[in-house]
Amino acid sequence: KLDYATVVSVTPVTEKTELYATVLGAEPVHETTTST
């Protein structure tokens, strides 16, 4: 009884997804100034 229908076209359905990265570490960057 099993039959098959022919696939004419396949269109992907997409949506915008936010991408996030896991923070492993953060090092501060210092700036030193000299005044007179």
All heavy atoms as atom14 arrays in JSON, in Angstrom:
{
  "sequence": "KLDYATVVSVTPVTEKTELYATVLGAEPVHETTTST",
  "atom14_mask": [
    [1, 1, 1, 1, 1, 1, 1, 1, 1, 0, 0, 0, 0, 0],
    [1, 1, 1, 1, 1, 1, 1, 1, 0, 0, 0, 0, 0, 0],
    [1, 1, 1, 1, 1, 1, 1, 1, 0, 0, 0, 0, 0, 0],
    [1, 1, 1, 1, 1, 1, 1, 1, 1, 1, 1, 1, 0, 0],
    [1, 1, 1, 1, 1, 0, 0, 0, 0, 0, 0, 0, 0, 0],
    [1, 1, 1, 1, 1, 1, 1, 0, 0, 0, 0, 0, 0, 0],
    [1, 1, 1, 1, 1, 1, 1, 0, 0, 0, 0, 0, 0, 0],
    [1, 1, 1, 1, 1, 1, 1, 0, 0, 0, 0, 0, 0, 0],
    [1, 1, 1, 1, 1, 1, 0, 0, 0, 0, 0, 0, 0, 0],
    [1, 1, 1, 1, 1, 1, 1, 0, 0, 0, 0, 0, 0, 0],
    [1, 1, 1, 1, 1, 1, 1, 0, 0, 0, 0, 0, 0, 0],
    [1, 1, 1, 1, 1, 1, 1, 0, 0, 0, 0, 0, 0, 0],
    [1, 1, 1, 1, 1, 1, 1, 0, 0, 0, 0, 0, 0, 0],
    [1, 1, 1, 1, 1, 1, 1, 0, 0, 0, 0, 0, 0, 0],
    [1, 1, 1, 1, 1, 1, 1, 1, 1, 0, 0, 0, 0, 0],
    [1, 1, 1, 1, 1, 1, 1, 1, 1, 0, 0, 0, 0, 0],
    [1, 1, 1, 1, 1, 1, 1, 0, 0, 0, 0, 0, 0, 0],
    [1, 1, 1, 1, 1, 1, 1, 1, 1, 0, 0, 0, 0, 0],
    [1, 1, 1, 1, 1, 1, 1, 1, 0, 0, 0, 0, 0, 0],
    [1, 1, 1, 1, 1, 1, 1, 1, 1, 1, 1, 1, 0, 0],
    [1, 1, 1, 1, 1, 0, 0, 0, 0, 0, 0, 0, 0, 0],
    [1, 1, 1, 1, 1, 1, 1, 0, 0, 0, 0, 0, 0, 0],
    [1, 1, 1, 1, 1, 1, 1, 0, 0, 0, 0, 0, 0, 0],
    [1, 1, 1, 1, 1, 1, 1, 1, 0, 0, 0, 0, 0, 0],
    [1, 1, 1, 1, 0, 0, 0, 0, 0, 0, 0, 0, 0, 0],
    [1, 1, 1, 1, 1, 0, 0, 0, 0, 0, 0, 0, 0, 0],
    [1, 1, 1, 1, 1, 1, 1, 1, 1, 0, 0, 0, 0, 0],
    [1, 1, 1, 1, 1, 1, 1, 0, 0, 0, 0, 0, 0, 0],
    [1, 1, 1, 1, 1, 1, 1, 0, 0, 0, 0, 0, 0, 0],
    [1, 1, 1, 1, 1, 1, 1, 1, 1, 1, 0, 0, 0, 0],
    [1, 1, 1, 1, 1, 1, 1, 1, 1, 0, 0, 0, 0, 0],
    [1, 1, 1, 1, 1, 1, 1, 0, 0, 0, 0, 0, 0, 0],
    [1, 1, 1, 1, 1, 1, 1, 0, 0, 0, 0, 0, 0, 0],
    [1, 1, 1, 1, 1, 1, 1, 0, 0, 0, 0, 0, 0, 0],
    [1, 1, 1, 1, 1, 1, 0, 0, 0, 0, 0, 0, 0, 0],
    [1, 1, 1, 1, 1, 1, 1, 0, 0, 0, 0, 0, 0, 0]
  ],
  "atom14_positions": [
    [[0.82, -1.21, 0.0], [0.0, 0.0, 0.0], [0.86, 1.27, 0.0], [0.35, 2.35, -0.3], [-0.9, 0.01, 1.23], [-1.95, -1.09, 1.25], [-2.77, -1.03, 2.52], [-3.8, -2.14, 2.58], [-4.59, -2.09, 3.84], [0.0, 0.0, 0.0], [0.0, 0.0, 0.0], [0.0, 0.0, 0.0], [0.0, 0.0, 0.0], [0.0, 0.0, 0.0]],
    [[2.17, 1.21, 0.41], [3.03, 2.39, 0.52], [3.34, 2.95, -0.85], [3.73, 2.22, -1.76], [4.33, 2.02, 1.24], [5.24, 3.18, 1.63], [4.55, 4.07, 2.64], [6.56, 2.65, 2.2], [0.0, 0.0, 0.0], [0.0, 0.0, 0.0], [0.0, 0.0, 0.0], [0.0, 0.0, 0.0], [0.0, 0.0, 0.0], [0.0, 0.0, 0.0]],
    [[3.14, 4.26, -0.98], [3.41, 4.95, -2.24], [4.28, 6.16, -1.92], [4.56, 6.46, -0.75], [2.1, 5.37, -2.9], [2.3, 5.64, -4.4], [3.46, 5.55, -4.85], [1.31, 5.97, -5.06], [0.0, 0.0, 0.0], [0.0, 0.0, 0.0], [0.0, 0.0, 0.0], [0.0, 0.0, 0.0], [0.0, 0.0, 0.0], [0.0, 0.0, 0.0]],
    [[4.69, 6.89, -2.94], [5.55, 8.05, -2.73], [5.07, 9.23, -3.56], [4.63, 9.06, -4.71], [7.01, 7.73, -3.1], [7.65, 6.75, -2.16], [7.63, 5.38, -2.44], [8.26, 7.18, -0.99], [8.21, 4.47, -1.58], [8.84, 6.27, -0.13], [8.82, 4.92, -0.42], [9.39, 4.03, 0.43], [0.0, 0.0, 0.0], [0.0, 0.0, 0.0]],
    [[5.17, 10.43, -2.94], [4.89, 11.67, -3.65], [6.21, 12.31, -4.03], [7.18, 12.27, -3.27], [4.09, 12.62, -2.75], [0.0, 0.0, 0.0], [0.0, 0.0, 0.0], [0.0, 0.0, 0.0], [0.0, 0.0, 0.0], [0.0, 0.0, 0.0], [0.0, 0.0, 0.0], [0.0, 0.0, 0.0], [0.0, 0.0, 0.0], [0.0, 0.0, 0.0]],
    [[6.26, 12.89, -5.23], [7.49, 13.5, -5.71], [7.64, 14.91, -5.13], [6.74, 15.73, -5.21], [7.48, 13.58, -7.25], [7.32, 12.26, -7.78], [8.78, 14.17, -7.76], [0.0, 0.0, 0.0], [0.0, 0.0, 0.0], [0.0, 0.0, 0.0], [0.0, 0.0, 0.0], [0.0, 0.0, 0.0], [0.0, 0.0, 0.0], [0.0, 0.0, 0.0]],
    [[8.79, 15.17, -4.55], [9.06, 16.5, -3.99], [9.45, 17.44, -5.13], [10.4, 17.18, -5.88], [10.18, 16.43, -2.94], [10.57, 17.84, -2.48], [9.74, 15.58, -1.76], [0.0, 0.0, 0.0], [0.0, 0.0, 0.0], [0.0, 0.0, 0.0], [0.0, 0.0, 0.0], [0.0, 0.0, 0.0], [0.0, 0.0, 0.0], [0.0, 0.0, 0.0]],
    [[8.71, 18.51, -5.28], [8.97, 19.49, -6.34], [9.99, 20.52, -5.89], [10.92, 20.87, -6.62], [7.65, 20.17, -6.76], [7.93, 21.23, -7.83], [6.65, 19.14, -7.26], [0.0, 0.0, 0.0], [0.0, 0.0, 0.0], [0.0, 0.0, 0.0], [0.0, 0.0, 0.0], [0.0, 0.0, 0.0], [0.0, 0.0, 0.0], [0.0, 0.0, 0.0]],
    [[9.84, 21.06, -4.67], [10.77, 22.07, -4.17], [10.77, 22.05, -2.64], [9.79, 21.65, -2.02], [10.4, 23.47, -4.66], [9.13, 23.86, -4.15], [0.0, 0.0, 0.0], [0.0, 0.0, 0.0], [0.0, 0.0, 0.0], [0.0, 0.0, 0.0], [0.0, 0.0, 0.0], [0.0, 0.0, 0.0], [0.0, 0.0, 0.0], [0.0, 0.0, 0.0]],
    [[11.91, 22.47, -2.09], [12.07, 22.57, -0.64], [12.65, 23.95, -0.32], [13.74, 24.29, -0.78], [12.99, 21.46, -0.08], [13.17, 21.63, 1.42], [12.45, 20.09, -0.41], [0.0, 0.0, 0.0], [0.0, 0.0, 0.0], [0.0, 0.0, 0.0], [0.0, 0.0, 0.0], [0.0, 0.0, 0.0], [0.0, 0.0, 0.0], [0.0, 0.0, 0.0]],
    [[11.9, 24.74, 0.45], [12.34, 26.08, 0.82], [12.56, 26.14, 2.33], [11.62, 25.94, 3.1], [11.3, 27.14, 0.42], [11.05, 27.04, -0.99], [11.78, 28.54, 0.76], [0.0, 0.0, 0.0], [0.0, 0.0, 0.0], [0.0, 0.0, 0.0], [0.0, 0.0, 0.0], [0.0, 0.0, 0.0], [0.0, 0.0, 0.0], [0.0, 0.0, 0.0]],
    [[13.81, 26.41, 2.76], [14.05, 26.5, 4.21], [13.32, 27.69, 4.82], [13.24, 28.76, 4.22], [15.57, 26.68, 4.31], [16.1, 26.2, 2.99], [15.06, 26.53, 1.98], [0.0, 0.0, 0.0], [0.0, 0.0, 0.0], [0.0, 0.0, 0.0], [0.0, 0.0, 0.0], [0.0, 0.0, 0.0], [0.0, 0.0, 0.0], [0.0, 0.0, 0.0]],
    [[12.77, 27.5, 5.99], [12.14, 28.57, 6.75], [13.11, 28.97, 7.86], [13.48, 28.15, 8.7], [10.8, 28.11, 7.36], [10.16, 29.24, 8.17], [9.86, 27.64, 6.26], [0.0, 0.0, 0.0], [0.0, 0.0, 0.0], [0.0, 0.0, 0.0], [0.0, 0.0, 0.0], [0.0, 0.0, 0.0], [0.0, 0.0, 0.0], [0.0, 0.0, 0.0]],
    [[13.56, 30.24, 7.85], [14.57, 30.69, 8.81], [14.01, 31.79, 9.7], [13.03, 32.45, 9.37], [15.82, 31.22, 8.08], [15.46, 32.35, 7.27], [16.43, 30.14, 7.2], [0.0, 0.0, 0.0], [0.0, 0.0, 0.0], [0.0, 0.0, 0.0], [0.0, 0.0, 0.0], [0.0, 0.0, 0.0], [0.0, 0.0, 0.0], [0.0, 0.0, 0.0]],
    [[14.68, 31.97, 10.83], [14.36, 33.07, 11.74], [15.65, 33.56, 12.37], [16.62, 32.81, 12.51], [13.36, 32.63, 12.8], [13.88, 31.59, 13.76], [12.87, 31.21, 14.82], [11.66, 31.51, 14.65], [13.28, 30.61, 15.84], [0.0, 0.0, 0.0], [0.0, 0.0, 0.0], [0.0, 0.0, 0.0], [0.0, 0.0, 0.0], [0.0, 0.0, 0.0]],
    [[15.66, 34.86, 12.73], [16.84, 35.45, 13.35], [16.99, 34.92, 14.78], [16.05, 34.92, 15.55], [16.72, 36.97, 13.39], [16.75, 37.63, 12.02], [18.12, 37.55, 11.39], [18.17, 38.31, 10.07], [19.49, 38.22, 9.41], [0.0, 0.0, 0.0], [0.0, 0.0, 0.0], [0.0, 0.0, 0.0], [0.0, 0.0, 0.0], [0.0, 0.0, 0.0]],
    [[18.19, 34.49, 15.09], [18.48, 33.95, 16.41], [19.68, 34.7, 17.0], [20.7, 34.86, 16.32], [18.8, 32.45, 16.35], [17.69, 31.76, 15.75], [19.04, 31.9, 17.74], [0.0, 0.0, 0.0], [0.0, 0.0, 0.0], [0.0, 0.0, 0.0], [0.0, 0.0, 0.0], [0.0, 0.0, 0.0], [0.0, 0.0, 0.0], [0.0, 0.0, 0.0]],
    [[19.53, 35.15, 18.24], [20.63, 35.83, 18.92], [21.73, 34.83, 19.26], [21.45, 33.72, 19.73], [20.14, 36.5, 20.21], [19.19, 37.66, 19.98], [19.9, 38.89, 19.47], [21.15, 38.96, 19.61], [19.22, 39.79, 18.94], [0.0, 0.0, 0.0], [0.0, 0.0, 0.0], [0.0, 0.0, 0.0], [0.0, 0.0, 0.0], [0.0, 0.0, 0.0]],
    [[22.97, 35.24, 19.01], [24.11, 34.41, 19.33], [24.82, 34.98, 20.56], [25.08, 36.18, 20.64], [25.1, 34.36, 18.16], [24.64, 33.59, 16.92], [25.73, 33.67, 15.84], [24.35, 32.15, 17.25], [0.0, 0.0, 0.0], [0.0, 0.0, 0.0], [0.0, 0.0, 0.0], [0.0, 0.0, 0.0], [0.0, 0.0, 0.0], [0.0, 0.0, 0.0]],
    [[25.14, 34.11, 21.51], [25.82, 34.53, 22.72], [27.04, 33.65, 22.95], [27.05, 32.47, 22.6], [24.9, 34.44, 23.94], [23.76, 35.42, 23.91], [22.52, 35.06, 23.42], [23.94, 36.72, 24.38], [21.47, 35.96, 23.4], [22.89, 37.63, 24.35], [21.66, 37.24, 23.87], [20.63, 38.14, 23.84], [0.0, 0.0, 0.0], [0.0, 0.0, 0.0]],
    [[28.09, 34.26, 23.52], [29.29, 33.52, 23.89], [29.44, 33.57, 25.41], [29.09, 34.56, 26.05], [30.52, 34.13, 23.22], [0.0, 0.0, 0.0], [0.0, 0.0, 0.0], [0.0, 0.0, 0.0], [0.0, 0.0, 0.0], [0.0, 0.0, 0.0], [0.0, 0.0, 0.0], [0.0, 0.0, 0.0], [0.0, 0.0, 0.0], [0.0, 0.0, 0.0]],
    [[29.97, 32.51, 25.95], [30.19, 32.43, 27.4], [31.53, 33.07, 27.75], [32.55, 32.75, 27.16], [30.19, 30.96, 27.87], [28.94, 30.36, 27.49], [30.36, 30.87, 29.37], [0.0, 0.0, 0.0], [0.0, 0.0, 0.0], [0.0, 0.0, 0.0], [0.0, 0.0, 0.0], [0.0, 0.0, 0.0], [0.0, 0.0, 0.0], [0.0, 0.0, 0.0]],
    [[31.51, 33.99, 28.7], [32.73, 34.7, 29.1], [33.57, 33.78, 29.99], [33.08, 33.28, 31.0], [32.39, 36.01, 29.84], [33.66, 36.66, 30.38], [31.67, 36.97, 28.91], [0.0, 0.0, 0.0], [0.0, 0.0, 0.0], [0.0, 0.0, 0.0], [0.0, 0.0, 0.0], [0.0, 0.0, 0.0], [0.0, 0.0, 0.0], [0.0, 0.0, 0.0]],
    [[34.83, 33.58, 29.59], [35.75, 32.76, 30.37], [36.62, 33.59, 31.28], [37.06, 33.12, 32.34], [36.63, 31.92, 29.42], [35.89, 30.98, 28.47], [36.89, 30.27, 27.56], [35.05, 29.98, 29.23], [0.0, 0.0, 0.0], [0.0, 0.0, 0.0], [0.0, 0.0, 0.0], [0.0, 0.0, 0.0], [0.0, 0.0, 0.0], [0.0, 0.0, 0.0]],
    [[36.9, 34.83, 30.9], [37.75, 35.71, 31.72], [37.79, 37.1, 31.12], [37.56, 37.29, 29.93], [0.0, 0.0, 0.0], [0.0, 0.0, 0.0], [0.0, 0.0, 0.0], [0.0, 0.0, 0.0], [0.0, 0.0, 0.0], [0.0, 0.0, 0.0], [0.0, 0.0, 0.0], [0.0, 0.0, 0.0], [0.0, 0.0, 0.0], [0.0, 0.0, 0.0]],
    [[38.09, 38.09, 31.98], [38.17, 39.49, 31.54], [39.31, 40.17, 32.29], [39.34, 40.18, 33.52], [36.86, 40.22, 31.78], [0.0, 0.0, 0.0], [0.0, 0.0, 0.0], [0.0, 0.0, 0.0], [0.0, 0.0, 0.0], [0.0, 0.0, 0.0], [0.0, 0.0, 0.0], [0.0, 0.0, 0.0], [0.0, 0.0, 0.0], [0.0, 0.0, 0.0]],
    [[40.28, 40.72, 31.53], [41.42, 41.41, 32.11], [41.31, 42.91, 31.81], [41.12, 43.31, 30.67], [42.73, 40.87, 31.54], [43.04, 39.43, 31.92], [43.32, 39.26, 33.4], [43.76, 40.26, 34.02], [43.09, 38.17, 33.93], [0.0, 0.0, 0.0], [0.0, 0.0, 0.0], [0.0, 0.0, 0.0], [0.0, 0.0, 0.0], [0.0, 0.0, 0.0]],
    [[41.44, 43.76, 32.85], [41.35, 45.21, 32.61], [42.57, 45.75, 31.86], [43.69, 45.27, 32.05], [41.26, 45.79, 34.03], [41.93, 44.76, 34.9], [41.63, 43.42, 34.27], [0.0, 0.0, 0.0], [0.0, 0.0, 0.0], [0.0, 0.0, 0.0], [0.0, 0.0, 0.0], [0.0, 0.0, 0.0], [0.0, 0.0, 0.0], [0.0, 0.0, 0.0]],
    [[42.34, 46.73, 31.02], [43.41, 47.41, 30.29], [43.55, 48.8, 30.92], [42.61, 49.6, 30.9], [43.08, 47.53, 28.79], [44.2, 48.29, 28.06], [42.88, 46.15, 28.18], [0.0, 0.0, 0.0], [0.0, 0.0, 0.0], [0.0, 0.0, 0.0], [0.0, 0.0, 0.0], [0.0, 0.0, 0.0], [0.0, 0.0, 0.0], [0.0, 0.0, 0.0]],
    [[44.74, 49.08, 31.49], [44.96, 50.34, 32.2], [45.7, 51.34, 31.31], [46.52, 50.96, 30.48], [45.76, 50.1, 33.48], [45.09, 49.2, 34.47], [43.94, 49.56, 35.14], [45.4, 47.95, 34.89], [43.57, 48.59, 35.94], [44.43, 47.58, 35.81], [0.0, 0.0, 0.0], [0.0, 0.0, 0.0], [0.0, 0.0, 0.0], [0.0, 0.0, 0.0]],
    [[45.41, 52.6, 31.54], [46.11, 53.7, 30.86], [46.68, 54.62, 31.93], [45.96, 55.1, 32.81], [45.15, 54.48, 29.96], [45.82, 55.62, 29.23], [44.82, 56.42, 28.4], [44.06, 57.22, 28.99], [44.78, 56.2, 27.17], [0.0, 0.0, 0.0], [0.0, 0.0, 0.0], [0.0, 0.0, 0.0], [0.0, 0.0, 0.0], [0.0, 0.0, 0.0]],
    [[48.01, 54.85, 31.88], [48.7, 55.69, 32.86], [49.06, 57.03, 32.23], [49.64, 57.08, 31.15], [49.96, 55.0, 33.38], [49.61, 53.74, 33.96], [50.66, 55.85, 34.44], [0.0, 0.0, 0.0], [0.0, 0.0, 0.0], [0.0, 0.0, 0.0], [0.0, 0.0, 0.0], [0.0, 0.0, 0.0], [0.0, 0.0, 0.0], [0.0, 0.0, 0.0]],
    [[48.71, 58.12, 32.91], [49.02, 59.46, 32.43], [49.88, 60.19, 33.47], [49.74, 59.98, 34.67], [47.73, 60.27, 32.17], [46.96, 60.32, 33.39], [46.9, 59.62, 31.09], [0.0, 0.0, 0.0], [0.0, 0.0, 0.0], [0.0, 0.0, 0.0], [0.0, 0.0, 0.0], [0.0, 0.0, 0.0], [0.0, 0.0, 0.0], [0.0, 0.0, 0.0]],
    [[50.78, 61.05, 32.97], [51.67, 61.85, 33.81], [51.35, 63.33, 33.61], [51.28, 63.8, 32.48], [53.14, 61.59, 33.48], [53.41, 60.18, 33.64], [54.06, 62.38, 34.38], [0.0, 0.0, 0.0], [0.0, 0.0, 0.0], [0.0, 0.0, 0.0], [0.0, 0.0, 0.0], [0.0, 0.0, 0.0], [0.0, 0.0, 0.0], [0.0, 0.0, 0.0]],
    [[51.18, 64.04, 34.72], [50.88, 65.48, 34.65], [51.87, 66.24, 35.5], [52.41, 65.73, 36.49], [49.46, 65.76, 35.13], [49.28, 65.34, 36.47], [0.0, 0.0, 0.0], [0.0, 0.0, 0.0], [0.0, 0.0, 0.0], [0.0, 0.0, 0.0], [0.0, 0.0, 0.0], [0.0, 0.0, 0.0], [0.0, 0.0, 0.0], [0.0, 0.0, 0.0]],
    [[52.17, 67.52, 35.13], [53.1, 68.37, 35.86], [52.39, 69.64, 36.3], [51.54, 70.17, 35.59], [54.3, 68.73, 34.99], [53.84, 69.39, 33.79], [55.09, 67.5, 34.6], [0.0, 0.0, 0.0], [0.0, 0.0, 0.0], [0.0, 0.0, 0.0], [0.0, 0.0, 0.0], [0.0, 0.0, 0.0], [0.0, 0.0, 0.0], [0.0, 0.0, 0.0]]
  ]
}
